[in-house]
Protein backbone atom coordinates (compact mmCIF):
# COMPACT_ATOMS: atom_id res chain seq x y z
CA UNK A 1 144.71 13.23 -7.50
CA UNK A 2 145.56 9.86 -8.94
CA UNK A 3 143.43 7.04 -10.27
CA UNK A 4 145.73 4.68 -8.38
CA UNK A 5 146.96 5.43 -4.87
CA UNK A 6 150.11 7.52 -5.14
CA UNK A 7 151.91 9.18 -2.28
CA UNK A 8 154.46 11.95 -1.93
CA UNK A 9 156.61 12.84 1.05
CA UNK A 10 155.03 15.90 2.70
CA UNK A 11 157.37 18.19 4.64
CA UNK A 12 159.59 15.13 5.28
CA UNK A 13 157.53 13.64 8.08
CA UNK A 14 154.65 11.60 6.76
CA UNK A 15 153.18 10.36 3.52
CA UNK A 16 149.96 11.75 2.06
CA UNK A 17 148.05 11.24 -1.17
CA UNK A 18 148.29 14.04 -3.70
CA UNK A 19 145.41 15.16 -5.83
CA UNK A 20 146.33 17.16 -8.92
CA UNK A 21 148.42 16.01 -11.84
CA UNK A 22 147.80 16.38 -15.59
CA UNK A 23 145.30 15.88 -18.39
CA UNK A 24 142.02 14.65 -16.97
CA UNK A 25 143.21 15.50 -13.45
CA UNK A 26 143.65 19.16 -14.41
CA UNK A 27 140.05 19.28 -15.59
CA UNK A 28 138.95 17.92 -12.22
CA UNK A 29 141.17 20.46 -10.45
CA UNK A 30 139.24 23.22 -12.19
CA UNK A 31 135.93 21.52 -11.35
CA UNK A 32 136.85 21.29 -7.65
CA UNK A 33 137.90 24.94 -7.60
CA UNK A 34 134.53 25.91 -9.05
CA UNK A 35 132.70 23.83 -6.46
CA UNK A 36 134.68 25.54 -3.67
CA UNK A 37 133.59 28.93 -5.06
CA UNK A 38 136.87 30.68 -4.37
CA UNK A 39 137.29 29.30 -0.84
CA UNK A 40 141.03 28.66 -1.03
CA UNK A 41 141.26 27.01 2.40
CA UNK A 42 138.43 24.61 1.62
CA UNK A 43 140.04 23.77 -1.73
CA UNK A 44 143.44 23.13 -0.14
CA UNK A 45 141.99 20.68 2.36
CA UNK A 46 139.80 18.86 -0.15
CA UNK A 47 142.50 18.67 -2.83
CA UNK A 48 144.45 16.26 -0.61
CA UNK A 49 141.39 14.26 0.48
CA UNK A 50 139.39 13.56 -2.70
CA UNK A 51 140.22 10.84 -5.21
CA UNK A 52 139.91 10.84 -8.97
CA UNK A 53 138.93 7.18 -8.74
CA UNK A 54 137.65 6.54 -5.20
CA UNK A 55 136.78 2.91 -5.97
CA UNK A 56 140.36 2.05 -6.89
CA UNK A 57 142.15 4.53 -4.65
CA UNK A 58 140.53 4.29 -1.24
CA UNK A 59 141.45 1.55 1.26
CA UNK A 60 139.50 -1.67 0.80
CA UNK A 61 139.28 -2.33 4.55
CA UNK A 62 136.14 -1.17 6.34
CA UNK A 63 136.25 1.84 8.66
CA UNK A 64 136.26 -0.30 11.78
CA UNK A 65 139.41 -2.18 10.73
CA UNK A 66 141.20 1.05 9.76
CA UNK A 67 140.30 2.69 13.07
CA UNK A 68 141.55 -0.33 15.03
CA UNK A 69 144.85 -0.22 13.13
CA UNK A 70 145.26 3.52 13.79
CA UNK A 71 144.46 3.11 17.50
CA UNK A 72 147.01 0.30 17.79
CA UNK A 73 149.67 2.57 16.27
CA UNK A 74 148.83 5.25 18.84
CA UNK A 75 149.11 2.67 21.63
CA UNK A 76 152.49 1.60 20.23
CA UNK A 77 153.50 5.28 19.97
CA UNK A 78 153.98 4.96 16.22
CA UNK A 79 152.40 8.35 15.63
CA UNK A 80 153.54 8.83 12.04
CA UNK A 81 151.77 5.64 10.95
CA UNK A 82 148.75 6.54 13.08
CA UNK A 83 148.47 9.90 11.30
CA UNK A 84 148.67 8.21 7.91
CA UNK A 85 145.99 5.68 8.84
CA UNK A 86 143.69 8.32 10.29
CA UNK A 87 144.08 10.36 7.11
CA UNK A 88 143.11 7.38 4.93
CA UNK A 89 140.20 6.59 7.23
CA UNK A 90 138.89 10.16 7.08
CA UNK A 91 139.15 10.14 3.28
CA UNK A 92 137.18 6.89 3.12
CA UNK A 93 134.57 8.17 5.59
CA UNK A 94 134.06 11.32 3.49
CA UNK A 95 133.43 9.21 0.39
CA UNK A 96 131.07 6.87 2.21
CA UNK A 97 129.16 9.85 3.61
CA UNK A 98 128.52 11.11 0.08
CA UNK A 99 127.10 7.71 -0.86
CA UNK A 100 124.85 7.39 2.21
CA UNK A 101 123.13 10.74 2.57
CA UNK A 102 120.46 9.23 4.80
CA UNK A 103 123.20 8.60 7.42
CA UNK A 104 124.83 12.01 7.08
CA UNK A 105 124.61 12.92 10.79
CA UNK A 106 126.25 9.64 11.82
CA UNK A 107 129.10 10.15 9.36
CA UNK A 108 129.60 13.75 10.44
CA UNK A 109 130.14 12.65 14.05
CA UNK A 110 132.42 9.80 12.95
CA UNK A 111 134.55 12.10 10.79
CA UNK A 112 134.82 14.71 13.54
CA UNK A 113 135.92 12.02 15.99
CA UNK A 114 138.49 10.75 13.49
CA UNK A 115 140.03 14.16 12.78
CA UNK A 116 140.12 14.82 16.52
CA UNK A 117 142.06 11.59 17.02
CA UNK A 118 144.32 12.51 14.12
CA UNK A 119 145.02 15.91 15.68
CA UNK A 120 145.84 14.26 19.01
CA UNK A 121 148.28 11.87 17.33
CA UNK A 122 149.83 14.81 15.51
CA UNK A 123 150.22 16.69 18.82
CA UNK A 124 152.02 13.67 20.27
CA UNK A 125 154.39 13.52 17.32
CA UNK A 126 154.95 17.28 17.53
CA UNK A 127 155.95 16.99 21.18
CA UNK A 128 158.43 14.31 20.21
CA UNK A 129 160.08 16.23 17.36
CA UNK A 130 160.17 19.48 19.35
CA UNK A 131 162.73 17.86 21.63
CA UNK A 132 164.85 17.21 18.53
CA UNK A 133 164.58 20.89 17.53
CA UNK A 134 163.35 20.02 14.02
CA UNK A 135 161.72 23.35 13.22
CA UNK A 136 160.46 22.49 9.74
CA UNK A 137 158.81 19.29 10.92
CA UNK A 138 157.16 21.07 13.82
CA UNK A 139 155.73 23.69 11.46
CA UNK A 140 154.39 20.98 9.15
CA UNK A 141 152.78 19.15 12.06
CA UNK A 142 151.17 22.36 13.25
CA UNK A 143 149.65 22.83 9.78
CA UNK A 144 148.33 19.28 9.98
CA UNK A 145 146.64 20.09 13.29
CA UNK A 146 145.08 23.21 11.78
CA UNK A 147 143.82 21.16 8.81
CA UNK A 148 142.14 18.74 11.21
CA UNK A 149 140.45 21.58 13.09
CA UNK A 150 139.30 23.18 9.83
CA UNK A 151 137.87 19.93 8.52
CA UNK A 152 135.93 19.38 11.74
CA UNK A 153 134.57 22.93 11.85
CA UNK A 154 133.64 23.03 8.16
CA UNK A 155 132.45 19.43 7.83
CA UNK A 156 129.07 20.47 6.35
CA UNK A 157 130.80 22.41 3.55
CA UNK A 158 133.33 19.62 3.06
CA UNK A 159 130.60 17.02 2.56
CA UNK A 160 128.54 19.27 0.30
CA UNK A 161 131.45 19.82 -2.09
CA UNK A 162 132.57 16.19 -1.85
CA UNK A 163 129.04 15.00 -2.65
CA UNK A 164 128.93 17.05 -5.87
CA UNK A 165 132.50 16.11 -6.79
CA UNK A 166 132.11 12.36 -6.27
CA UNK A 167 128.63 12.30 -7.79
CA UNK A 168 130.00 13.80 -11.00
CA UNK A 169 133.16 11.67 -10.93
CA UNK A 170 131.19 8.43 -10.67
CA UNK A 171 128.94 9.48 -13.56
CA UNK A 172 131.99 10.36 -15.66
CA UNK A 173 133.63 7.04 -14.80
CA UNK A 174 130.44 5.24 -15.83
CA UNK A 175 130.38 7.07 -19.15
CA UNK A 176 134.05 6.28 -19.70
CA UNK A 177 133.40 2.61 -18.90
CA UNK A 178 130.56 2.48 -21.42
CA UNK A 179 132.77 4.08 -24.07
CA UNK A 180 135.54 1.56 -23.40
CA UNK A 181 132.96 -1.23 -23.69
CA UNK A 182 131.76 0.10 -27.03
CA UNK A 183 135.34 0.36 -28.31
CA UNK A 184 136.12 -3.17 -27.17
CA UNK A 185 132.97 -4.49 -28.83
CA UNK A 186 133.74 -2.64 -32.03
CA UNK A 187 137.35 -3.86 -32.03
CA UNK A 188 136.23 -7.46 -31.62
CA UNK A 189 133.64 -7.10 -34.37
CA UNK A 190 136.19 -5.64 -36.75
CA UNK A 191 138.66 -8.40 -35.95
CA UNK A 192 136.07 -10.96 -36.97
CA UNK A 193 135.17 -8.96 -40.07
CA UNK A 194 138.83 -8.74 -41.12
CA UNK A 195 139.26 -12.47 -40.66
CA UNK A 196 136.20 -13.10 -42.80
CA UNK A 197 137.27 -10.51 -45.33
CA UNK A 198 140.65 -12.19 -45.81
CA UNK A 199 138.83 -15.32 -46.92
CA UNK A 200 136.61 -13.48 -49.35
CA UNK A 201 138.93 -10.72 -50.51
CA UNK A 202 139.72 -12.18 -53.90
CA UNK A 203 136.08 -12.97 -54.63
CA UNK A 204 134.38 -9.96 -53.16
CA UNK A 205 136.01 -6.57 -53.79
CA UNK A 206 132.64 -4.87 -53.60
CA UNK A 207 131.94 -6.32 -50.15
CA UNK A 208 135.30 -5.05 -48.90
CA UNK A 209 134.46 -1.54 -50.05
CA UNK A 210 131.13 -1.71 -48.24
CA UNK A 211 132.84 -2.86 -45.06
CA UNK A 212 135.28 0.03 -45.22
CA UNK A 213 132.43 2.46 -45.70
CA UNK A 214 130.60 0.85 -42.78
CA UNK A 215 133.71 1.18 -40.59
CA UNK A 216 134.06 4.86 -41.49
CA UNK A 217 130.42 5.47 -40.58
CA UNK A 218 130.86 3.61 -37.28
CA UNK A 219 133.84 5.86 -36.46
CA UNK A 220 131.75 8.91 -37.20
CA UNK A 221 128.92 7.64 -35.00
CA UNK A 222 131.42 6.91 -32.21
CA UNK A 223 132.69 10.50 -32.38
CA UNK A 224 129.13 11.80 -32.33
CA UNK A 225 128.36 9.64 -29.27
CA UNK A 226 131.46 10.90 -27.42
CA UNK A 227 130.49 14.48 -28.22
CA UNK A 228 126.94 13.89 -26.92
CA UNK A 229 128.31 12.44 -23.67
CA UNK A 230 130.74 15.34 -23.30
CA UNK A 231 127.96 17.87 -23.80
CA UNK A 232 125.77 15.99 -21.31
CA UNK A 233 128.54 16.03 -18.70
CA UNK A 234 129.19 19.74 -19.23
CA UNK A 235 125.49 20.48 -18.92
CA UNK A 236 125.35 18.53 -15.63
CA UNK A 237 128.24 20.53 -14.21
CA UNK A 238 126.73 23.87 -15.26
CA UNK A 239 123.47 22.88 -13.58
CA UNK A 240 125.27 21.95 -10.35
CA UNK A 241 127.22 25.22 -10.29
CA UNK A 242 124.10 27.28 -11.02
CA UNK A 243 122.30 25.57 -8.14
CA UNK A 244 125.19 26.50 -5.78
CA UNK A 245 125.14 30.21 -6.61
């Protein structure tokens, strides 16, 4: 899962977003596994559909525009591009569903229609590559069809896990944004203090010492604030997991 959209070639036939990388991403991998409660199939499907930063990573176009583009590709028999577009559209619909719980039933039907269309496009591409006797590509396409069927059949579970995952991710992103804001504010304040200190340094050694002590205390308070936010986030996650037992 990447904060920015990043794609890898999957079984040499179409491009999909990958989910798990390093550092913060590994923490979220563990979190997703816990939410899936040992359901390996559910985890496999969601790990290629959920975004570390959905705001930055998901397509900016609305669902209607994405669907039109995918349908045009099907009409033009560009099935590889149609599959890619349907995948992105499904990912976006899953995120939107988690943000509009009051419209859950409408989104469920929309997602099921989308994965059905994706499966049909994949079937068309499979028929095409079967004539070329590309065994590996056929196997990969068959897995894609099975993923679509699974997502449709388990859509309630998919949305439940996605809702918890995205809810926590957006809170974490908000906390990170506030921390970055505090650091920026502190950096700017210190820049001004240093500029002022340079003017007064020769006259005011005592004031310089006080400023250094103040800076040290601010660093300590910043560490305490980060620790409080970390503990709050961990407590939230424990509460979510306990509620899902």
